[in-house]
Amino acid sequence: MANEDPFKQFSEFQKNLSQLKIPGVDPDQWVKVYEQNIAAVTQANQTFMTGMQAFAEKQAAMLQEGFKTSEAAIKEAAEAGEPTDKVTSQVERAKAAYEKALADMNEISEIVTKTNSEALEVINQRVNASFSEVQKILSENKS
């Protein structure tokens, strides 16, 4: 069922709902609620995909910068000079690389946290609205 097309499911839901003849219940109201639920899931999915794209772009940038840093370190090690100066320079590079890696990991963590939070908020808002809409439908059709 997880691999089924949600639009096909919606069409089947709509068809089945229109065949139900529940007194006082307008099937179009239920269809509208269902459509809004599908729209919210679509929006949450888009939010998630945008966040994951930012995550992948950040990882690619980190990898590219890592290659550049490694290349510069190898080039520096091959140059003539005092060994103690080279070691000092390498220690400074290692420290800077470590600090950059920590900052990058923090940024990636923030991207993932923000993405999850935004996607969950879309779903949460829709669930709350859906409950209100269902209550309204039921109370309107009760009278």
C-alpha atoms as a PDB file:
ATOM      1  CA  MET A   1       0.000   0.000   0.000  1.00  0.00           C
ATOM      2  CA  ALA A   2       2.936   2.344   0.690  1.00  0.00           C
ATOM      3  CA  ASN A   3       3.932   2.227  -2.986  1.00  0.00           C
ATOM      4  CA  GLU A   4       0.482   3.144  -4.289  1.00  0.00           C
ATOM      5  CA  ASP A   5      -0.136   6.453  -6.029  1.00  0.00           C
ATOM      6  CA  PRO A   6      -1.818   8.871  -3.582  1.00  0.00           C
ATOM      7  CA  PHE A   7      -3.791  10.456  -6.428  1.00  0.00           C
ATOM      8  CA  LYS A   8      -5.187   7.052  -7.391  1.00  0.00           C
ATOM      9  CA  GLN A   9      -6.095   6.488  -3.751  1.00  0.00           C
ATOM     10  CA  PHE A  10      -7.774   9.894  -3.686  1.00  0.00           C
ATOM     11  CA  SER A  11      -9.809   9.085  -6.801  1.00  0.00           C
ATOM     12  CA  GLU A  12     -10.933   5.804  -5.246  1.00  0.00           C
ATOM     13  CA  PHE A  13     -11.728   7.560  -1.962  1.00  0.00           C
ATOM     14  CA  GLN A  14     -13.744  10.199  -3.792  1.00  0.00           C
ATOM     15  CA  LYS A  15     -15.628   7.566  -5.815  1.00  0.00           C
ATOM     16  CA  ASN A  16     -16.417   5.470  -2.723  1.00  0.00           C
ATOM     17  CA  LEU A  17     -17.481   8.502  -0.732  1.00  0.00           C
ATOM     18  CA  SER A  18     -19.846   9.697  -3.445  1.00  0.00           C
ATOM     19  CA  GLN A  19     -21.480   6.246  -3.467  1.00  0.00           C
ATOM     20  CA  LEU A  20     -22.200   6.465   0.249  1.00  0.00           C
ATOM     21  CA  LYS A  21     -25.556   7.982   0.890  1.00  0.00           C
ATOM     22  CA  ILE A  22     -25.256   9.129   4.491  1.00  0.00           C
ATOM     23  CA  PRO A  23     -28.203  11.370   5.358  1.00  0.00           C
ATOM     24  CA  GLY A  24     -27.190  14.941   6.059  1.00  0.00           C
ATOM     25  CA  VAL A  25     -23.536  14.458   5.080  1.00  0.00           C
ATOM     26  CA  ASP A  26     -22.210  16.257   2.028  1.00  0.00           C
ATOM     27  CA  PRO A  27     -19.464  14.105   0.486  1.00  0.00           C
ATOM     28  CA  ASP A  28     -17.888  17.197  -1.079  1.00  0.00           C
ATOM     29  CA  GLN A  29     -17.050  18.503   2.393  1.00  0.00           C
ATOM     30  CA  TRP A  30     -15.148  15.300   3.184  1.00  0.00           C
ATOM     31  CA  VAL A  31     -13.409  15.394  -0.184  1.00  0.00           C
ATOM     32  CA  LYS A  32     -12.272  18.958   0.506  1.00  0.00           C
ATOM     33  CA  VAL A  33     -10.767  17.909   3.844  1.00  0.00           C
ATOM     34  CA  TYR A  34      -9.017  14.987   2.161  1.00  0.00           C
ATOM     35  CA  GLU A  35      -7.675  17.236  -0.629  1.00  0.00           C
ATOM     36  CA  GLN A  36      -6.252  19.629   1.956  1.00  0.00           C
ATOM     37  CA  ASN A  37      -4.609  16.720   3.762  1.00  0.00           C
ATOM     38  CA  ILE A  38      -2.963  15.566   0.522  1.00  0.00           C
ATOM     39  CA  ALA A  39      -1.817  19.153  -0.158  1.00  0.00           C
ATOM     40  CA  ALA A  40      -0.248  19.357   3.314  1.00  0.00           C
ATOM     41  CA  VAL A  41       1.608  16.078   2.843  1.00  0.00           C
ATOM     42  CA  THR A  42       2.839  17.314  -0.536  1.00  0.00           C
ATOM     43  CA  GLN A  43       4.015  20.582   1.024  1.00  0.00           C
ATOM     44  CA  ALA A  44       5.766  18.756   3.874  1.00  0.00           C
ATOM     45  CA  ASN A  45       7.472  16.485   1.346  1.00  0.00           C
ATOM     46  CA  GLN A  46       8.634  19.515  -0.667  1.00  0.00           C
ATOM     47  CA  THR A  47       9.975  21.137   2.505  1.00  0.00           C
ATOM     48  CA  PHE A  48      11.839  17.955   3.343  1.00  0.00           C
ATOM     49  CA  MET A  49      13.284  17.622  -0.170  1.00  0.00           C
ATOM     50  CA  THR A  50      14.455  21.250  -0.164  1.00  0.00           C
ATOM     51  CA  GLY A  51      16.186  20.685   3.166  1.00  0.00           C
ATOM     52  CA  MET A  52      17.835  17.501   1.982  1.00  0.00           C
ATOM     53  CA  GLN A  53      19.071  19.335  -1.114  1.00  0.00           C
ATOM     54  CA  ALA A  54      20.664  21.983   1.123  1.00  0.00           C
ATOM     55  CA  PHE A  55      22.163  19.169   3.188  1.00  0.00           C
ATOM     56  CA  ALA A  56      23.667  17.510   0.091  1.00  0.00           C
ATOM     57  CA  GLU A  57      25.000  20.814  -1.219  1.00  0.00           C
ATOM     58  CA  LYS A  58      26.683  21.524   2.115  1.00  0.00           C
ATOM     59  CA  GLN A  59      28.256  18.075   2.160  1.00  0.00           C
ATOM     60  CA  ALA A  60      29.545  18.538  -1.399  1.00  0.00           C
ATOM     61  CA  ALA A  61      31.031  21.921  -0.476  1.00  0.00           C
ATOM     62  CA  MET A  62      32.695  20.380   2.583  1.00  0.00           C
ATOM     63  CA  LEU A  63      34.190  17.607   0.466  1.00  0.00           C
ATOM     64  CA  GLN A  64      35.468  20.051  -2.144  1.00  0.00           C
ATOM     65  CA  GLU A  65      37.022  22.260   0.525  1.00  0.00           C
ATOM     66  CA  GLY A  66      38.608  19.201   2.129  1.00  0.00           C
ATOM     67  CA  PHE A  67      40.266  18.313  -1.160  1.00  0.00           C
ATOM     68  CA  LYS A  68      41.587  21.859  -1.566  1.00  0.00           C
ATOM     69  CA  THR A  69      42.944  21.876   1.978  1.00  0.00           C
ATOM     70  CA  SER A  70      44.627  18.500   1.489  1.00  0.00           C
ATOM     71  CA  GLU A  71      46.146  19.611  -1.785  1.00  0.00           C
ATOM     72  CA  ALA A  72      47.535  22.771  -0.183  1.00  0.00           C
ATOM     73  CA  ALA A  73      48.976  20.766   2.729  1.00  0.00           C
ATOM     74  CA  ILE A  74      50.688  18.315   0.374  1.00  0.00           C
ATOM     75  CA  LYS A  75      52.090  21.150  -1.701  1.00  0.00           C
ATOM     76  CA  GLU A  76      53.396  22.915   1.411  1.00  0.00           C
ATOM     77  CA  ALA A  77      54.986  19.722   2.741  1.00  0.00           C
ATOM     78  CA  ALA A  78      56.834  19.256  -0.552  1.00  0.00           C
ATOM     79  CA  GLU A  79      58.301  22.769  -0.505  1.00  0.00           C
ATOM     80  CA  ALA A  80      61.758  23.471   0.865  1.00  0.00           C
ATOM     81  CA  GLY A  81      62.015  24.984   4.314  1.00  0.00           C
ATOM     82  CA  GLU A  82      62.728  24.344   7.944  1.00  0.00           C
ATOM     83  CA  PRO A  83      61.082  21.160   9.265  1.00  0.00           C
ATOM     84  CA  THR A  84      59.988  22.875  12.492  1.00  0.00           C
ATOM     85  CA  ASP A  85      58.247  25.604  10.488  1.00  0.00           C
ATOM     86  CA  LYS A  86      56.462  22.959   8.430  1.00  0.00           C
ATOM     87  CA  VAL A  87      55.347  21.088  11.536  1.00  0.00           C
ATOM     88  CA  THR A  88      54.091  24.303  13.125  1.00  0.00           C
ATOM     89  CA  SER A  89      52.213  25.157   9.954  1.00  0.00           C
ATOM     90  CA  GLN A  90      50.730  21.655   9.766  1.00  0.00           C
ATOM     91  CA  VAL A  91      49.558  21.846  13.379  1.00  0.00           C
ATOM     92  CA  GLU A  92      47.919  25.200  12.666  1.00  0.00           C
ATOM     93  CA  ARG A  93      46.244  23.757   9.546  1.00  0.00           C
ATOM     94  CA  ALA A  94      45.051  20.713  11.477  1.00  0.00           C
ATOM     95  CA  LYS A  95      43.559  22.923  14.180  1.00  0.00           C
ATOM     96  CA  ALA A  96      41.836  25.136  11.612  1.00  0.00           C
ATOM     97  CA  ALA A  97      40.525  22.071   9.762  1.00  0.00           C
ATOM     98  CA  TYR A  98      39.183  20.606  12.999  1.00  0.00           C
ATOM     99  CA  GLU A  99      37.418  23.857  13.916  1.00  0.00           C
ATOM    100  CA  LYS A 100      35.981  24.118  10.388  1.00  0.00           C
ATOM    101  CA  ALA A 101      34.742  20.520  10.551  1.00  0.00           C
ATOM    102  CA  LEU A 102      32.986  21.233  13.853  1.00  0.00           C
ATOM    103  CA  ALA A 103      31.354  24.353  12.399  1.00  0.00           C
ATOM    104  CA  ASP A 104      30.280  22.406   9.300  1.00  0.00           C
ATOM    105  CA  MET A 105      28.818  19.561  11.380  1.00  0.00           C
ATOM    106  CA  ASN A 106      26.911  22.119  13.440  1.00  0.00           C
ATOM    107  CA  GLU A 107      25.559  23.736  10.274  1.00  0.00           C
ATOM    108  CA  ILE A 108      24.494  20.370   8.865  1.00  0.00           C
ATOM    109  CA  SER A 109      22.801  19.514  12.138  1.00  0.00           C
ATOM    110  CA  GLU A 110      20.924  22.817  12.017  1.00  0.00           C
ATOM    111  CA  ILE A 111      19.817  22.148   8.424  1.00  0.00           C
ATOM    112  CA  VAL A 112      18.432  18.727   9.355  1.00  0.00           C
ATOM    113  CA  THR A 113      16.752  20.009  12.528  1.00  0.00           C
ATOM    114  CA  LYS A 114      15.182  22.955  10.693  1.00  0.00           C
ATOM    115  CA  THR A 115      14.003  20.737   7.844  1.00  0.00           C
ATOM    116  CA  ASN A 116      12.384  18.218  10.177  1.00  0.00           C
ATOM    117  CA  SER A 117      10.802  20.965  12.253  1.00  0.00           C
ATOM    118  CA  GLU A 118       9.346  22.769   9.229  1.00  0.00           C
ATOM    119  CA  ALA A 119       7.972  19.585   7.661  1.00  0.00           C
ATOM    120  CA  LEU A 120       6.455  18.468  10.971  1.00  0.00           C
ATOM    121  CA  GLU A 121       4.901  21.904  11.492  1.00  0.00           C
ATOM    122  CA  VAL A 122       3.105  21.673   8.120  1.00  0.00           C
ATOM    123  CA  ILE A 123       1.658  18.293   9.075  1.00  0.00           C
ATOM    124  CA  ASN A 124       0.811  19.422  12.618  1.00  0.00           C
ATOM    125  CA  GLN A 125      -1.061  22.486  11.371  1.00  0.00           C
ATOM    126  CA  ARG A 126      -2.984  20.366   8.867  1.00  0.00           C
ATOM    127  CA  VAL A 127      -3.926  17.734  11.448  1.00  0.00           C
ATOM    128  CA  ASN A 128      -5.238  20.408  13.812  1.00  0.00           C
ATOM    129  CA  ALA A 129      -7.154  22.119  11.008  1.00  0.00           C
ATOM    130  CA  SER A 130      -8.519  18.774   9.857  1.00  0.00           C
ATOM    131  CA  PHE A 131      -9.903  18.000  13.315  1.00  0.00           C
ATOM    132  CA  SER A 132     -11.616  21.399  13.391  1.00  0.00           C
ATOM    133  CA  GLU A 133     -13.020  20.889   9.888  1.00  0.00           C
ATOM    134  CA  VAL A 134     -14.381  17.443  10.729  1.00  0.00           C
ATOM    135  CA  GLN A 135     -15.988  18.781  13.910  1.00  0.00           C
ATOM    136  CA  LYS A 136     -17.553  21.617  11.903  1.00  0.00           C
ATOM    137  CA  ILE A 137     -18.860  19.217   9.241  1.00  0.00           C
ATOM    138  CA  LEU A 138     -20.353  16.939  11.859  1.00  0.00           C
ATOM    139  CA  SER A 139     -21.951  19.782  13.817  1.00  0.00           C
ATOM    140  CA  GLU A 140     -23.410  21.381  10.639  1.00  0.00           C
ATOM    141  CA  ASN A 141     -24.888  18.093   9.526  1.00  0.00           C
ATOM    142  CA  LYS A 142     -26.300  17.358  12.979  1.00  0.00           C
ATOM    143  CA  SER A 143     -28.711  20.256  12.863  1.00  0.00           C
END
